[in-house]
Amino acid sequence: MPGKPLPAGAEPTAIDRLRRISARILASDDPDAEWFAEALARYEAGAPHGEQLDDSFGLKGSGWWLAEARRRRDDAIRGISRDFFAGEPSDRQRAMKIASAIRRYRASAWRQDKGELAPPSHYRGTLHERLFIVCKLGAVGLRAIQQIIGAGSKGSVCTGEGAAPQRQARRRRRDCHLATRPRRRCIRTRKGRGAS
């Protein structure tokens, strides 16, 4: 797999660099070394036939970047809840405070900050640092925030325990009923009162 040695002064190609990295990690005690070497070998063998690097490494179609971004965003929201709104008596009230803080940040400082890749250095350790992360990774609404901060607590919206499933079932029945019942027409009388 290492391939031919490069002529003196030649710049290594991307595949040459990947081969060297593979050889180095195979020589180490890294538990992922064999996986990496096999994936690279699959790519080298299949590339002439249309194999893509992300296919060889099992990344194509997995949406791994979305899952990672969602995880980082959710961690930032939990951190905001824990570090800035821990005094609130319920998940719902914490979620309301966080949603309000996100709205205020998006309406003000986010307008200048959104072009940045990382939070400005003067935000370090502040609520704005976490709000920047949440907004950069995709801001969420009140219900989602409540689910995120309630994950793991008894009776939270996220766990499916308690009253939340019952409320959801009632909403579905009500929505179904509203969609299927016939509409009533209001007929106006001479005095302007409606009769149905």
N, C-alpha and C. Protein backbone atom coordinates (compact mmCIF):
# COMPACT_ATOMS: atom_id res chain seq x y z
N MET A 1 0.81 -1.21 0.00
CA MET A 1 0.00 0.00 0.00
C MET A 1 0.85 1.27 0.00
N PRO A 2 2.06 1.28 0.59
CA PRO A 2 2.82 2.52 0.61
C PRO A 2 3.09 3.10 -0.77
N GLY A 3 3.11 2.28 -1.82
CA GLY A 3 3.33 2.81 -3.17
C GLY A 3 4.81 3.07 -3.44
N LYS A 4 5.07 3.66 -4.59
CA LYS A 4 6.44 3.94 -4.99
C LYS A 4 6.98 5.15 -4.23
N PRO A 5 8.29 5.14 -3.92
CA PRO A 5 8.86 6.33 -3.30
C PRO A 5 8.83 7.50 -4.28
N LEU A 6 8.69 8.68 -3.74
CA LEU A 6 8.61 9.89 -4.57
C LEU A 6 10.01 10.30 -5.02
N PRO A 7 10.11 10.81 -6.25
CA PRO A 7 11.40 11.34 -6.68
C PRO A 7 11.79 12.55 -5.81
N ALA A 8 13.07 12.80 -5.69
CA ALA A 8 13.55 13.91 -4.87
C ALA A 8 12.95 15.22 -5.35
N GLY A 9 12.40 16.00 -4.42
CA GLY A 9 11.84 17.31 -4.73
C GLY A 9 10.41 17.28 -5.23
N ALA A 10 9.84 16.10 -5.43
CA ALA A 10 8.46 16.00 -5.92
C ALA A 10 7.48 16.25 -4.78
N GLU A 11 6.42 16.94 -5.10
CA GLU A 11 5.37 17.23 -4.12
C GLU A 11 4.45 16.01 -4.02
N PRO A 12 4.19 15.51 -2.80
CA PRO A 12 3.32 14.34 -2.68
C PRO A 12 1.86 14.68 -3.04
N THR A 13 1.19 13.74 -3.66
CA THR A 13 -0.22 13.92 -3.99
C THR A 13 -1.05 13.60 -2.75
N ALA A 14 -2.34 13.87 -2.83
CA ALA A 14 -3.23 13.59 -1.70
C ALA A 14 -3.23 12.10 -1.37
N ILE A 15 -3.23 11.24 -2.39
CA ILE A 15 -3.26 9.80 -2.12
C ILE A 15 -1.94 9.35 -1.50
N ASP A 16 -0.81 9.97 -1.92
CA ASP A 16 0.48 9.65 -1.29
C ASP A 16 0.45 9.99 0.19
N ARG A 17 -0.12 11.13 0.51
CA ARG A 17 -0.21 11.55 1.92
C ARG A 17 -1.10 10.59 2.71
N LEU A 18 -2.23 10.20 2.13
CA LEU A 18 -3.12 9.25 2.82
C LEU A 18 -2.41 7.92 3.04
N ARG A 19 -1.63 7.46 2.07
CA ARG A 19 -0.87 6.20 2.24
C ARG A 19 0.14 6.32 3.37
N ARG A 20 0.83 7.47 3.43
CA ARG A 20 1.82 7.65 4.52
C ARG A 20 1.14 7.69 5.88
N ILE A 21 0.00 8.38 5.95
CA ILE A 21 -0.75 8.43 7.23
C ILE A 21 -1.18 7.02 7.62
N SER A 22 -1.68 6.27 6.65
CA SER A 22 -2.12 4.90 6.92
C SER A 22 -0.97 4.04 7.43
N ALA A 23 0.19 4.15 6.80
CA ALA A 23 1.36 3.37 7.24
C ALA A 23 1.78 3.75 8.65
N ARG A 24 1.73 5.06 8.97
CA ARG A 24 2.12 5.50 10.32
C ARG A 24 1.16 4.98 11.38
N ILE A 25 -0.14 5.05 11.12
CA ILE A 25 -1.06 4.60 12.17
C ILE A 25 -1.09 3.08 12.27
N LEU A 26 -0.79 2.37 11.17
CA LEU A 26 -0.70 0.91 11.25
C LEU A 26 0.47 0.50 12.13
N ALA A 27 1.55 1.30 12.11
CA ALA A 27 2.72 1.02 12.93
C ALA A 27 2.49 1.34 14.41
N SER A 28 1.44 2.10 14.70
CA SER A 28 1.14 2.46 16.09
C SER A 28 0.18 1.44 16.70
N ASP A 29 -0.19 1.66 17.93
CA ASP A 29 -1.14 0.78 18.61
C ASP A 29 -2.57 1.31 18.51
N ASP A 30 -2.85 2.14 17.54
CA ASP A 30 -4.17 2.73 17.39
C ASP A 30 -5.20 1.66 17.04
N PRO A 31 -6.29 1.54 17.82
CA PRO A 31 -7.28 0.50 17.55
C PRO A 31 -8.05 0.72 16.24
N ASP A 32 -8.03 1.93 15.71
CA ASP A 32 -8.74 2.23 14.47
C ASP A 32 -7.85 2.12 13.23
N ALA A 33 -6.59 1.75 13.44
CA ALA A 33 -5.63 1.71 12.32
C ALA A 33 -6.04 0.72 11.25
N GLU A 34 -6.47 -0.46 11.65
CA GLU A 34 -6.85 -1.48 10.67
C GLU A 34 -8.07 -1.03 9.86
N TRP A 35 -9.05 -0.44 10.55
CA TRP A 35 -10.23 0.07 9.86
C TRP A 35 -9.84 1.10 8.82
N PHE A 36 -8.97 2.04 9.19
CA PHE A 36 -8.54 3.10 8.28
C PHE A 36 -7.82 2.52 7.08
N ALA A 37 -6.89 1.58 7.32
CA ALA A 37 -6.13 0.98 6.24
C ALA A 37 -7.04 0.21 5.28
N GLU A 38 -8.02 -0.53 5.82
CA GLU A 38 -8.95 -1.27 4.97
C GLU A 38 -9.82 -0.33 4.14
N ALA A 39 -10.29 0.75 4.73
CA ALA A 39 -11.12 1.71 4.00
C ALA A 39 -10.32 2.37 2.89
N LEU A 40 -9.06 2.70 3.17
CA LEU A 40 -8.21 3.31 2.14
C LEU A 40 -7.93 2.31 1.02
N ALA A 41 -7.71 1.05 1.37
CA ALA A 41 -7.47 0.02 0.35
C ALA A 41 -8.72 -0.16 -0.52
N ARG A 42 -9.91 -0.15 0.10
CA ARG A 42 -11.15 -0.23 -0.67
C ARG A 42 -11.26 0.92 -1.67
N TYR A 43 -10.90 2.11 -1.18
CA TYR A 43 -10.97 3.28 -2.05
C TYR A 43 -9.98 3.16 -3.22
N GLU A 44 -8.73 2.77 -2.92
CA GLU A 44 -7.72 2.66 -3.98
C GLU A 44 -8.12 1.62 -5.02
N ALA A 45 -8.69 0.51 -4.57
CA ALA A 45 -9.10 -0.54 -5.50
C ALA A 45 -10.33 -0.13 -6.30
N GLY A 46 -11.25 0.59 -5.69
CA GLY A 46 -12.51 0.94 -6.35
C GLY A 46 -12.53 2.27 -7.07
N ALA A 47 -11.57 3.14 -6.81
CA ALA A 47 -11.58 4.48 -7.42
C ALA A 47 -11.62 4.45 -8.95
N PRO A 48 -10.87 3.57 -9.59
CA PRO A 48 -10.96 3.53 -11.06
C PRO A 48 -12.35 3.12 -11.56
N HIS A 49 -13.15 2.51 -10.69
CA HIS A 49 -14.48 2.05 -11.06
C HIS A 49 -15.59 2.94 -10.48
N GLY A 50 -15.23 4.11 -9.97
CA GLY A 50 -16.22 5.06 -9.50
C GLY A 50 -16.42 5.10 -7.99
N GLU A 51 -15.65 4.33 -7.23
CA GLU A 51 -15.77 4.35 -5.76
C GLU A 51 -15.38 5.74 -5.24
N GLN A 52 -16.18 6.28 -4.36
CA GLN A 52 -15.90 7.58 -3.76
C GLN A 52 -15.27 7.39 -2.38
N LEU A 53 -14.44 8.33 -1.97
CA LEU A 53 -13.77 8.23 -0.68
C LEU A 53 -14.77 8.15 0.47
N ASP A 54 -15.84 8.96 0.40
CA ASP A 54 -16.82 8.93 1.49
C ASP A 54 -17.57 7.60 1.52
N ASP A 55 -17.74 6.94 0.38
CA ASP A 55 -18.33 5.59 0.36
C ASP A 55 -17.42 4.60 1.08
N SER A 56 -16.13 4.66 0.75
CA SER A 56 -15.17 3.71 1.32
C SER A 56 -15.09 3.82 2.84
N PHE A 57 -15.22 5.03 3.34
CA PHE A 57 -15.13 5.25 4.78
C PHE A 57 -16.50 5.20 5.47
N GLY A 58 -17.54 4.89 4.72
CA GLY A 58 -18.87 4.74 5.31
C GLY A 58 -19.54 6.06 5.69
N LEU A 59 -19.17 7.12 5.00
CA LEU A 59 -19.72 8.44 5.36
C LEU A 59 -20.83 8.91 4.43
N LYS A 60 -20.90 8.38 3.23
CA LYS A 60 -21.87 8.87 2.25
C LYS A 60 -23.30 8.61 2.72
N GLY A 61 -24.10 9.63 2.65
CA GLY A 61 -25.51 9.51 2.98
C GLY A 61 -25.82 9.41 4.46
N SER A 62 -24.79 9.43 5.29
CA SER A 62 -25.04 9.26 6.73
C SER A 62 -25.48 10.55 7.40
N GLY A 63 -25.20 11.69 6.77
CA GLY A 63 -25.54 12.97 7.38
C GLY A 63 -24.80 13.18 8.69
N TRP A 64 -23.59 12.65 8.79
CA TRP A 64 -22.82 12.72 10.03
C TRP A 64 -22.60 14.16 10.48
N TRP A 65 -22.42 15.07 9.56
CA TRP A 65 -22.17 16.46 9.92
C TRP A 65 -23.41 17.10 10.55
N LEU A 66 -24.60 16.68 10.08
CA LEU A 66 -25.83 17.20 10.68
C LEU A 66 -26.01 16.67 12.10
N ALA A 67 -25.75 15.38 12.28
CA ALA A 67 -25.88 14.78 13.61
C ALA A 67 -24.89 15.42 14.59
N GLU A 68 -23.67 15.66 14.13
CA GLU A 68 -22.67 16.31 14.99
C GLU A 68 -23.08 17.74 15.33
N ALA A 69 -23.56 18.48 14.35
CA ALA A 69 -23.98 19.86 14.59
C ALA A 69 -25.14 19.90 15.57
N ARG A 70 -26.09 18.99 15.40
CA ARG A 70 -27.25 18.92 16.30
C ARG A 70 -26.80 18.60 17.72
N ARG A 71 -25.85 17.67 17.85
CA ARG A 71 -25.34 17.30 19.17
C ARG A 71 -24.64 18.49 19.84
N ARG A 72 -23.81 19.22 19.07
CA ARG A 72 -23.12 20.40 19.63
C ARG A 72 -24.11 21.49 20.01
N ARG A 73 -25.12 21.70 19.15
CA ARG A 73 -26.15 22.70 19.46
C ARG A 73 -26.91 22.32 20.73
N ASP A 74 -27.31 21.05 20.84
CA ASP A 74 -28.04 20.59 22.01
C ASP A 74 -27.20 20.70 23.28
N ASP A 75 -25.90 20.40 23.17
CA ASP A 75 -24.99 20.55 24.33
C ASP A 75 -24.90 22.02 24.74
N ALA A 76 -24.86 22.91 23.75
CA ALA A 76 -24.80 24.35 24.07
C ALA A 76 -26.08 24.79 24.77
N ILE A 77 -27.23 24.30 24.31
CA ILE A 77 -28.51 24.66 24.94
C ILE A 77 -28.56 24.13 26.37
N ARG A 78 -28.13 22.88 26.57
CA ARG A 78 -28.10 22.33 27.94
C ARG A 78 -27.15 23.13 28.82
N GLY A 79 -26.03 23.56 28.26
CA GLY A 79 -25.08 24.38 29.01
C GLY A 79 -25.67 25.73 29.40
N ILE A 80 -26.41 26.34 28.48
CA ILE A 80 -27.09 27.61 28.78
C ILE A 80 -28.07 27.40 29.92
N SER A 81 -28.84 26.32 29.84
CA SER A 81 -29.82 26.02 30.88
C SER A 81 -29.15 25.84 32.23
N ARG A 82 -28.07 25.06 32.24
CA ARG A 82 -27.38 24.74 33.48
C ARG A 82 -26.63 25.95 34.05
N ASP A 83 -25.93 26.69 33.18
CA ASP A 83 -25.03 27.75 33.66
C ASP A 83 -25.69 29.12 33.82
N PHE A 84 -26.78 29.36 33.10
CA PHE A 84 -27.35 30.70 33.14
C PHE A 84 -28.79 30.75 33.66
N PHE A 85 -29.52 29.63 33.58
CA PHE A 85 -30.92 29.65 34.00
C PHE A 85 -31.26 28.52 34.96
N ALA A 86 -30.30 28.08 35.74
CA ALA A 86 -30.52 26.97 36.67
C ALA A 86 -31.52 27.32 37.76
N GLY A 87 -31.70 28.59 38.06
CA GLY A 87 -32.60 29.03 39.11
C GLY A 87 -34.07 28.96 38.74
N GLU A 88 -34.36 28.73 37.48
CA GLU A 88 -35.77 28.66 37.05
C GLU A 88 -36.38 27.36 37.57
N PRO A 89 -37.64 27.40 38.00
CA PRO A 89 -38.24 26.24 38.66
C PRO A 89 -38.62 25.07 37.75
N SER A 90 -38.72 25.28 36.43
CA SER A 90 -39.14 24.17 35.57
C SER A 90 -38.43 24.23 34.23
N ASP A 91 -38.44 23.09 33.54
CA ASP A 91 -37.85 23.02 32.20
C ASP A 91 -38.54 24.02 31.27
N ARG A 92 -39.85 24.12 31.38
CA ARG A 92 -40.60 25.02 30.50
C ARG A 92 -40.16 26.47 30.70
N GLN A 93 -40.00 26.90 31.96
CA GLN A 93 -39.59 28.28 32.22
C GLN A 93 -38.16 28.52 31.76
N ARG A 94 -37.27 27.53 31.96
CA ARG A 94 -35.91 27.66 31.45
C ARG A 94 -35.94 27.76 29.92
N ALA A 95 -36.75 26.91 29.28
CA ALA A 95 -36.85 26.93 27.82
C ALA A 95 -37.37 28.28 27.33
N MET A 96 -38.35 28.84 28.02
CA MET A 96 -38.88 30.14 27.63
C MET A 96 -37.81 31.23 27.73
N LYS A 97 -37.03 31.19 28.80
CA LYS A 97 -35.95 32.17 28.98
C LYS A 97 -34.89 32.01 27.89
N ILE A 98 -34.54 30.76 27.57
CA ILE A 98 -33.53 30.51 26.54
C ILE A 98 -34.05 30.97 25.17
N ALA A 99 -35.30 30.63 24.85
CA ALA A 99 -35.88 31.05 23.57
C ALA A 99 -35.90 32.56 23.46
N SER A 100 -36.23 33.23 24.55
CA SER A 100 -36.25 34.69 24.56
C SER A 100 -34.84 35.25 24.35
N ALA A 101 -33.85 34.65 25.01
CA ALA A 101 -32.46 35.10 24.85
C ALA A 101 -32.00 34.90 23.41
N ILE A 102 -32.37 33.78 22.80
CA ILE A 102 -32.00 33.53 21.40
C ILE A 102 -32.64 34.58 20.49
N ARG A 103 -33.93 34.87 20.71
CA ARG A 103 -34.61 35.88 19.89
C ARG A 103 -33.93 37.24 20.02
N ARG A 104 -33.62 37.63 21.25
CA ARG A 104 -32.97 38.94 21.46
C ARG A 104 -31.59 38.98 20.78
N TYR A 105 -30.82 37.90 20.93
CA TYR A 105 -29.49 37.84 20.33
C TYR A 105 -29.59 37.90 18.80
N ARG A 106 -30.52 37.13 18.23
CA ARG A 106 -30.68 37.12 16.76
C ARG A 106 -31.11 38.49 16.24
N ALA A 107 -31.86 39.24 17.02
CA ALA A 107 -32.34 40.55 16.59
C ALA A 107 -31.27 41.63 16.76
N SER A 108 -30.21 41.34 17.52
CA SER A 108 -29.22 42.39 17.77
C SER A 108 -27.82 41.96 17.33
N ALA A 109 -27.04 41.40 18.21
CA ALA A 109 -25.62 41.12 17.95
C ALA A 109 -25.40 40.09 16.84
N TRP A 110 -26.33 39.15 16.67
CA TRP A 110 -26.15 38.12 15.65
C TRP A 110 -26.01 38.72 14.25
N ARG A 111 -26.60 39.86 14.03
CA ARG A 111 -26.53 40.51 12.71
C ARG A 111 -25.08 40.78 12.31
N GLN A 112 -24.24 41.16 13.29
CA GLN A 112 -22.82 41.37 13.00
C GLN A 112 -22.02 40.08 13.13
N ASP A 113 -22.45 39.18 14.03
CA ASP A 113 -21.66 37.99 14.35
C ASP A 113 -21.83 36.85 13.36
N LYS A 114 -22.92 36.81 12.61
CA LYS A 114 -23.23 35.61 11.82
C LYS A 114 -22.20 35.30 10.74
N GLY A 115 -21.43 36.27 10.31
CA GLY A 115 -20.39 36.03 9.31
C GLY A 115 -19.12 35.42 9.89
N GLU A 116 -19.01 35.41 11.20
CA GLU A 116 -17.82 34.86 11.86
C GLU A 116 -17.87 33.34 11.92
N LEU A 117 -16.71 32.69 11.94
CA LEU A 117 -16.65 31.24 12.06
C LEU A 117 -16.73 30.79 13.52
N ALA A 118 -16.23 31.62 14.41
CA ALA A 118 -16.20 31.31 15.84
C ALA A 118 -16.73 32.52 16.61
N PRO A 119 -17.17 32.29 17.85
CA PRO A 119 -17.65 33.44 18.64
C PRO A 119 -16.54 34.47 18.83
N PRO A 120 -16.87 35.75 18.78
CA PRO A 120 -15.86 36.78 19.04
C PRO A 120 -15.20 36.54 20.40
N SER A 121 -13.93 36.87 20.50
CA SER A 121 -13.16 36.57 21.73
C SER A 121 -13.73 37.27 22.96
N HIS A 122 -14.36 38.44 22.78
CA HIS A 122 -14.89 39.14 23.95
C HIS A 122 -16.15 38.47 24.50
N TYR A 123 -16.68 37.44 23.81
CA TYR A 123 -17.83 36.68 24.31
C TYR A 123 -17.42 35.53 25.23
N ARG A 124 -16.13 35.24 25.29
CA ARG A 124 -15.66 34.06 26.01
C ARG A 124 -16.24 34.00 27.43
N GLY A 125 -16.92 32.88 27.72
CA GLY A 125 -17.48 32.65 29.05
C GLY A 125 -18.82 33.32 29.30
N THR A 126 -19.38 33.96 28.29
CA THR A 126 -20.65 34.67 28.49
C THR A 126 -21.80 33.92 27.82
N LEU A 127 -22.99 34.37 28.10
CA LEU A 127 -24.18 33.81 27.47
C LEU A 127 -24.11 33.99 25.96
N HIS A 128 -23.58 35.12 25.50
CA HIS A 128 -23.51 35.38 24.06
C HIS A 128 -22.64 34.35 23.34
N GLU A 129 -21.62 33.83 24.00
CA GLU A 129 -20.79 32.79 23.37
C GLU A 129 -21.64 31.57 23.05
N ARG A 130 -22.44 31.13 24.00
CA ARG A 130 -23.30 29.96 23.79
C ARG A 130 -24.41 30.26 22.78
N LEU A 131 -24.97 31.47 22.84
CA LEU A 131 -26.01 31.83 21.89
C LEU A 131 -25.46 31.85 20.46
N PHE A 132 -24.22 32.31 20.31
CA PHE A 132 -23.57 32.29 19.00
C PHE A 132 -23.52 30.86 18.47
N ILE A 133 -23.10 29.93 19.33
CA ILE A 133 -22.99 28.52 18.92
C ILE A 133 -24.35 27.98 18.51
N VAL A 134 -25.37 28.24 19.31
CA VAL A 134 -26.73 27.76 19.00
C VAL A 134 -27.19 28.33 17.66
N CYS A 135 -27.01 29.62 17.45
CA CYS A 135 -27.47 30.25 16.21
C CYS A 135 -26.65 29.77 15.01
N LYS A 136 -25.37 29.56 15.19
CA LYS A 136 -24.52 29.10 14.09
C LYS A 136 -24.91 27.69 13.67
N LEU A 137 -25.34 26.88 14.62
CA LEU A 137 -25.67 25.48 14.32
C LEU A 137 -27.15 25.27 14.05
N GLY A 138 -27.93 26.32 14.07
CA GLY A 138 -29.35 26.21 13.77
C GLY A 138 -30.22 26.44 14.98
N ALA A 139 -30.76 27.63 15.09
CA ALA A 139 -31.60 27.95 16.24
C ALA A 139 -32.87 27.10 16.22
N VAL A 140 -33.45 26.91 17.38
CA VAL A 140 -34.63 26.05 17.53
C VAL A 140 -35.72 26.80 18.27
N GLY A 141 -36.93 26.24 18.23
CA GLY A 141 -38.07 26.85 18.89
C GLY A 141 -38.23 26.39 20.32
N LEU A 142 -39.23 26.95 20.97
CA LEU A 142 -39.48 26.70 22.38
C LEU A 142 -39.68 25.22 22.70
N ARG A 143 -40.52 24.54 21.94
CA ARG A 143 -40.81 23.13 22.22
C ARG A 143 -39.55 22.27 22.10
N ALA A 144 -38.74 22.52 21.07
CA ALA A 144 -37.51 21.76 20.90
C ALA A 144 -36.53 22.05 22.04
N ILE A 145 -36.43 23.30 22.45
CA ILE A 145 -35.54 23.65 23.56
C ILE A 145 -35.99 22.93 24.82
N GLN A 146 -37.28 22.91 25.06
CA GLN A 146 -37.81 22.22 26.23
C GLN A 146 -37.47 20.73 26.18
N GLN A 147 -37.59 20.13 25.01
CA GLN A 147 -37.24 18.71 24.87
C GLN A 147 -35.76 18.49 25.11
N ILE A 148 -34.92 19.39 24.59
CA ILE A 148 -33.47 19.23 24.74
C ILE A 148 -33.06 19.32 26.20
N ILE A 149 -33.55 20.34 26.92
CA ILE A 149 -33.12 20.50 28.31
C ILE A 149 -33.82 19.52 29.23
N GLY A 150 -34.96 18.99 28.78
CA GLY A 150 -35.69 18.03 29.61
C GLY A 150 -35.25 16.59 29.40
N ALA A 151 -34.37 16.36 28.44
CA ALA A 151 -33.94 14.99 28.15
C ALA A 151 -33.35 14.36 29.40
N GLY A 152 -33.91 13.22 29.76
CA GLY A 152 -33.39 12.49 30.91
C GLY A 152 -34.13 12.76 32.20
N SER A 153 -34.94 13.84 32.27
CA SER A 153 -35.66 14.09 33.51
C SER A 153 -37.02 13.41 33.43
N LYS A 154 -37.51 12.93 34.55
CA LYS A 154 -38.79 12.22 34.57
C LYS A 154 -39.93 13.10 34.11
N GLY A 155 -40.76 12.52 33.27
CA GLY A 155 -41.95 13.23 32.83
C GLY A 155 -41.67 14.33 31.83
N SER A 156 -40.46 14.36 31.26
CA SER A 156 -40.17 15.42 30.31
C SER A 156 -40.82 15.13 28.97
N VAL A 157 -40.89 16.16 28.16
CA VAL A 157 -41.50 16.02 26.84
C VAL A 157 -40.70 15.04 26.01
N CYS A 158 -39.39 15.02 26.19
CA CYS A 158 -38.52 14.22 25.34
C CYS A 158 -38.60 12.72 25.63
N THR A 159 -38.82 12.31 26.86
CA THR A 159 -38.75 10.90 27.21
C THR A 159 -40.00 10.14 26.87
N GLY A 160 -41.10 10.81 26.64
CA GLY A 160 -42.34 10.12 26.31
C GLY A 160 -43.09 9.67 27.54
N GLU A 161 -42.64 10.07 28.73
CA GLU A 161 -43.32 9.69 29.96
C GLU A 161 -44.23 10.83 30.40
N GLY A 162 -45.08 10.57 31.32
CA GLY A 162 -45.90 11.63 31.91
C GLY A 162 -47.04 12.03 31.01
N ALA A 163 -47.42 13.30 31.09
CA ALA A 163 -48.62 13.79 30.42
C ALA A 163 -48.41 14.15 28.96
N ALA A 164 -47.16 14.29 28.53
CA ALA A 164 -46.91 14.75 27.16
C ALA A 164 -47.55 13.85 26.10
N PRO A 165 -47.43 12.53 26.14
CA PRO A 165 -48.08 11.71 25.11
C PRO A 165 -49.60 11.85 25.13
N GLN A 166 -50.18 12.02 26.31
CA GLN A 166 -51.62 12.19 26.40
C GLN A 166 -52.05 13.49 25.73
N ARG A 167 -51.29 14.57 25.96
CA ARG A 167 -51.60 15.85 25.31
C ARG A 167 -51.47 15.72 23.80
N GLN A 168 -50.43 15.03 23.35
CA GLN A 168 -50.25 14.86 21.91
C GLN A 168 -51.39 14.06 21.31
N ALA A 169 -51.84 13.02 22.00
CA ALA A 169 -52.95 12.21 21.50
C ALA A 169 -54.23 13.05 21.44
N ARG A 170 -54.47 13.88 22.47
CA ARG A 170 -55.66 14.75 22.46
C ARG A 170 -55.60 15.73 21.29
N ARG A 171 -54.42 16.29 21.05
CA ARG A 171 -54.27 17.23 19.93
C ARG A 171 -54.57 16.54 18.60
N ARG A 172 -54.05 15.32 18.43
CA ARG A 172 -54.30 14.59 17.18
C ARG A 172 -55.79 14.32 17.00
N ARG A 173 -56.47 13.89 18.08
CA ARG A 173 -57.92 13.63 17.99
C ARG A 173 -58.67 14.92 17.66
N ARG A 174 -58.30 16.02 18.32
CA ARG A 174 -58.97 17.29 18.07
C ARG A 174 -58.75 17.75 16.64
N ASP A 175 -57.50 17.66 16.16
CA ASP A 175 -57.20 18.08 14.80
C ASP A 175 -57.95 17.22 13.79
N CYS A 176 -58.03 15.93 14.05
CA CYS A 176 -58.76 15.03 13.17
C CYS A 176 -60.24 15.40 13.16
N HIS A 177 -60.80 15.67 14.34
CA HIS A 177 -62.21 16.04 14.46
C HIS A 177 -62.49 17.33 13.71
N LEU A 178 -61.59 18.33 13.86
CA LEU A 178 -61.80 19.61 13.19
C LEU A 178 -61.73 19.45 11.67
N ALA A 179 -60.88 18.53 11.22
CA ALA A 179 -60.72 18.35 9.78
C ALA A 179 -61.91 17.63 9.16
N THR A 180 -62.63 16.81 9.94
CA THR A 180 -63.70 16.00 9.36
C THR A 180 -65.10 16.55 9.60
N ARG A 181 -65.28 17.45 10.56
CA ARG A 181 -66.65 17.90 10.83
C ARG A 181 -67.09 18.91 9.77
N PRO A 182 -68.38 18.90 9.44
CA PRO A 182 -68.86 19.82 8.40
C PRO A 182 -68.84 21.26 8.92
N ARG A 183 -68.56 22.17 8.02
CA ARG A 183 -68.54 23.58 8.40
C ARG A 183 -69.96 24.11 8.48
N ARG A 184 -70.18 24.98 9.43
CA ARG A 184 -71.49 25.61 9.57
C ARG A 184 -71.44 26.98 8.92
N ARG A 185 -72.50 27.31 8.27
CA ARG A 185 -72.58 28.65 7.69
C ARG A 185 -73.34 29.57 8.62
N CYS A 186 -72.89 30.75 8.71
CA CYS A 186 -73.56 31.74 9.56
C CYS A 186 -74.49 32.56 8.68
N ILE A 187 -75.74 32.57 9.02
CA ILE A 187 -76.72 33.33 8.26
C ILE A 187 -77.06 34.58 9.06
N ARG A 188 -76.89 35.72 8.46
CA ARG A 188 -77.15 36.97 9.16
C ARG A 188 -78.65 37.29 9.10
N THR A 189 -79.14 37.75 10.21
CA THR A 189 -80.54 38.21 10.26
C THR A 189 -80.54 39.72 10.05
N ARG A 190 -81.69 40.29 10.02
CA ARG A 190 -81.79 41.74 9.79
C ARG A 190 -81.11 42.56 10.88
N LYS A 191 -81.09 42.08 12.11
CA LYS A 191 -80.50 42.86 13.20
C LYS A 191 -78.99 42.63 13.29
N GLY A 192 -78.43 41.84 12.38
CA GLY A 192 -76.98 41.63 12.40
C GLY A 192 -76.54 40.49 13.27
N ARG A 193 -77.46 39.78 13.87
CA ARG A 193 -77.07 38.65 14.69
C ARG A 193 -76.96 37.42 13.82
N GLY A 194 -76.04 36.60 14.13
CA GLY A 194 -75.85 35.39 13.35
C GLY A 194 -76.64 34.23 13.92
N ALA A 195 -77.14 33.40 13.06
CA ALA A 195 -77.81 32.17 13.48
C ALA A 195 -77.14 31.03 12.75
N SER A 196 -76.99 29.94 13.44
CA SER A 196 -76.32 28.83 12.76
C SER A 196 -77.16 27.59 12.78
